[in-house]
Amino acid sequence: MEEPWDFEFLSRIVDGFVSFLSEFVDDWLANDMRVSIFKILFSWLVVSLIAIHFAWRVYGNTVNDMYYRQGTSGQNGGTPDTAPHRSGWPCGRE
């Protein structure tokens, strides 16, 4: 039987990845307008993700407590933990 992951297939994948990285590095180092726009948008994305991560670490427990309150009234701020004693299904005999 022929192996599904032969060396030629993996070699093509690695060569494609290396060529993509070399083109990306060449574009990154170029002084081009689209590269500048990409750098600005990429920086904005990274800063936004860092800010979201920091905000979640600071306020995450408060947000969770707002939506998942524990206590006598049950979870979610008012849903009872147990079902009512009467069933909602009709018995057929009344």
C-alpha atoms as a PDB file:
ATOM      1  CA  MET A   1       0.000   0.000   0.000  1.00  0.00           C
ATOM      2  CA  GLU A   2       1.080   3.527  -0.668  1.00  0.00           C
ATOM      3  CA  GLU A   3       1.464   5.819   2.332  1.00  0.00           C
ATOM      4  CA  PRO A   4      -1.001   8.721   2.314  1.00  0.00           C
ATOM      5  CA  TRP A   5       1.581  11.183   3.703  1.00  0.00           C
ATOM      6  CA  ASP A   6       4.563  10.581   1.459  1.00  0.00           C
ATOM      7  CA  PHE A   7       7.708  12.707   1.523  1.00  0.00           C
ATOM      8  CA  GLU A   8       6.958  14.508  -1.755  1.00  0.00           C
ATOM      9  CA  PHE A   9       3.625  15.807  -0.480  1.00  0.00           C
ATOM     10  CA  LEU A  10       5.162  17.078   2.768  1.00  0.00           C
ATOM     11  CA  SER A  11       8.044  18.619   0.835  1.00  0.00           C
ATOM     12  CA  ARG A  12       5.589  20.548  -1.366  1.00  0.00           C
ATOM     13  CA  ILE A  13       3.740  21.835   1.685  1.00  0.00           C
ATOM     14  CA  VAL A  14       6.967  22.965   3.357  1.00  0.00           C
ATOM     15  CA  ASP A  15       8.232  24.605   0.158  1.00  0.00           C
ATOM     16  CA  GLY A  16       4.943  26.457  -0.282  1.00  0.00           C
ATOM     17  CA  PHE A  17       5.020  27.658   3.303  1.00  0.00           C
ATOM     18  CA  VAL A  18       8.644  28.827   3.013  1.00  0.00           C
ATOM     19  CA  SER A  19       7.933  30.676  -0.229  1.00  0.00           C
ATOM     20  CA  PHE A  20       4.890  32.330   1.359  1.00  0.00           C
ATOM     21  CA  LEU A  21       6.972  33.429   4.343  1.00  0.00           C
ATOM     22  CA  SER A  22       9.760  34.801   2.143  1.00  0.00           C
ATOM     23  CA  GLU A  23       7.246  36.814   0.074  1.00  0.00           C
ATOM     24  CA  PHE A  24       5.603  38.040   3.268  1.00  0.00           C
ATOM     25  CA  VAL A  25       8.953  39.181   4.689  1.00  0.00           C
ATOM     26  CA  ASP A  26       9.844  40.914   1.416  1.00  0.00           C
ATOM     27  CA  ASP A  27       6.496  42.731   1.421  1.00  0.00           C
ATOM     28  CA  TRP A  28       6.828  43.563   5.128  1.00  0.00           C
ATOM     29  CA  LEU A  29      10.202  45.226   4.561  1.00  0.00           C
ATOM     30  CA  ALA A  30       9.028  47.112   1.468  1.00  0.00           C
ATOM     31  CA  ASN A  31       8.114  50.758   1.807  1.00  0.00           C
ATOM     32  CA  ASP A  32       4.690  50.430   0.202  1.00  0.00           C
ATOM     33  CA  MET A  33       1.349  52.043   1.041  1.00  0.00           C
ATOM     34  CA  ARG A  34      -0.554  48.745   1.318  1.00  0.00           C
ATOM     35  CA  VAL A  35       2.113  47.387   3.667  1.00  0.00           C
ATOM     36  CA  SER A  36       1.779  50.505   5.817  1.00  0.00           C
ATOM     37  CA  ILE A  37      -2.000  50.093   5.934  1.00  0.00           C
ATOM     38  CA  PHE A  38      -1.585  46.408   6.820  1.00  0.00           C
ATOM     39  CA  LYS A  39       0.847  47.289   9.618  1.00  0.00           C
ATOM     40  CA  ILE A  40      -1.579  49.867  11.023  1.00  0.00           C
ATOM     41  CA  LEU A  41      -4.547  47.466  10.902  1.00  0.00           C
ATOM     42  CA  PHE A  42      -2.508  44.593  12.319  1.00  0.00           C
ATOM     43  CA  SER A  43      -1.277  46.812  15.169  1.00  0.00           C
ATOM     44  CA  TRP A  44      -4.859  47.908  15.859  1.00  0.00           C
ATOM     45  CA  LEU A  45      -5.975  44.270  15.989  1.00  0.00           C
ATOM     46  CA  VAL A  46      -3.187  43.287  18.381  1.00  0.00           C
ATOM     47  CA  VAL A  47      -3.804  46.294  20.666  1.00  0.00           C
ATOM     48  CA  SER A  48      -7.551  45.586  20.676  1.00  0.00           C
ATOM     49  CA  LEU A  49      -7.044  41.936  21.597  1.00  0.00           C
ATOM     50  CA  ILE A  50      -4.652  42.910  24.389  1.00  0.00           C
ATOM     51  CA  ALA A  51      -7.165  45.476  25.681  1.00  0.00           C
ATOM     52  CA  ILE A  52     -10.003  42.921  25.608  1.00  0.00           C
ATOM     53  CA  HIS A  53      -7.834  40.404  27.442  1.00  0.00           C
ATOM     54  CA  PHE A  54      -6.862  42.969  30.088  1.00  0.00           C
ATOM     55  CA  ALA A  55     -10.475  44.155  30.519  1.00  0.00           C
ATOM     56  CA  TRP A  56     -11.708  40.571  30.898  1.00  0.00           C
ATOM     57  CA  ARG A  57      -9.066  39.846  33.537  1.00  0.00           C
ATOM     58  CA  VAL A  58     -10.114  42.959  35.483  1.00  0.00           C
ATOM     59  CA  TYR A  59     -13.903  42.875  35.009  1.00  0.00           C
ATOM     60  CA  GLY A  60     -14.583  39.247  34.023  1.00  0.00           C
ATOM     61  CA  ASN A  61     -15.711  38.099  37.471  1.00  0.00           C
ATOM     62  CA  THR A  62     -18.059  41.070  37.787  1.00  0.00           C
ATOM     63  CA  VAL A  63     -19.631  40.306  34.407  1.00  0.00           C
ATOM     64  CA  ASN A  64     -20.014  36.630  35.293  1.00  0.00           C
ATOM     65  CA  ASP A  65     -21.615  37.513  38.616  1.00  0.00           C
ATOM     66  CA  MET A  66     -24.159  39.725  36.845  1.00  0.00           C
ATOM     67  CA  TYR A  67     -25.402  36.836  34.735  1.00  0.00           C
ATOM     68  CA  TYR A  68     -24.893  33.868  37.040  1.00  0.00           C
ATOM     69  CA  ARG A  69     -26.042  34.817  40.510  1.00  0.00           C
ATOM     70  CA  GLN A  70     -26.047  32.087  43.101  1.00  0.00           C
ATOM     71  CA  GLY A  71     -28.484  32.161  45.959  1.00  0.00           C
ATOM     72  CA  THR A  72     -31.915  31.114  47.175  1.00  0.00           C
ATOM     73  CA  SER A  73     -33.655  32.254  44.001  1.00  0.00           C
ATOM     74  CA  GLY A  74     -31.586  29.904  41.842  1.00  0.00           C
ATOM     75  CA  GLN A  75     -29.322  30.456  38.926  1.00  0.00           C
ATOM     76  CA  ASN A  76     -29.601  33.231  36.369  1.00  0.00           C
ATOM     77  CA  GLY A  77     -31.138  35.641  38.835  1.00  0.00           C
ATOM     78  CA  GLY A  78     -34.517  34.026  39.352  1.00  0.00           C
ATOM     79  CA  THR A  79     -34.870  30.649  37.687  1.00  0.00           C
ATOM     80  CA  PRO A  80     -35.820  28.080  40.329  1.00  0.00           C
ATOM     81  CA  ASP A  81     -33.501  25.123  40.847  1.00  0.00           C
ATOM     82  CA  THR A  82     -36.340  22.599  41.057  1.00  0.00           C
ATOM     83  CA  ALA A  83     -39.424  22.095  38.965  1.00  0.00           C
ATOM     84  CA  PRO A  84     -42.829  23.024  40.410  1.00  0.00           C
ATOM     85  CA  HIS A  85     -44.791  20.251  42.120  1.00  0.00           C
ATOM     86  CA  ARG A  86     -47.576  20.283  39.566  1.00  0.00           C
ATOM     87  CA  SER A  87     -46.821  18.803  36.198  1.00  0.00           C
ATOM     88  CA  GLY A  88     -47.694  20.724  33.062  1.00  0.00           C
ATOM     89  CA  TRP A  89     -48.821  17.559  31.266  1.00  0.00           C
ATOM     90  CA  PRO A  90     -52.478  16.601  31.468  1.00  0.00           C
ATOM     91  CA  CYS A  91     -53.169  13.204  33.032  1.00  0.00           C
ATOM     92  CA  GLY A  92     -56.058  12.335  30.766  1.00  0.00           C
ATOM     93  CA  ARG A  93     -58.384  11.902  33.793  1.00  0.00           C
ATOM     94  CA  GLU A  94     -59.967  14.953  35.227  1.00  0.00           C
END
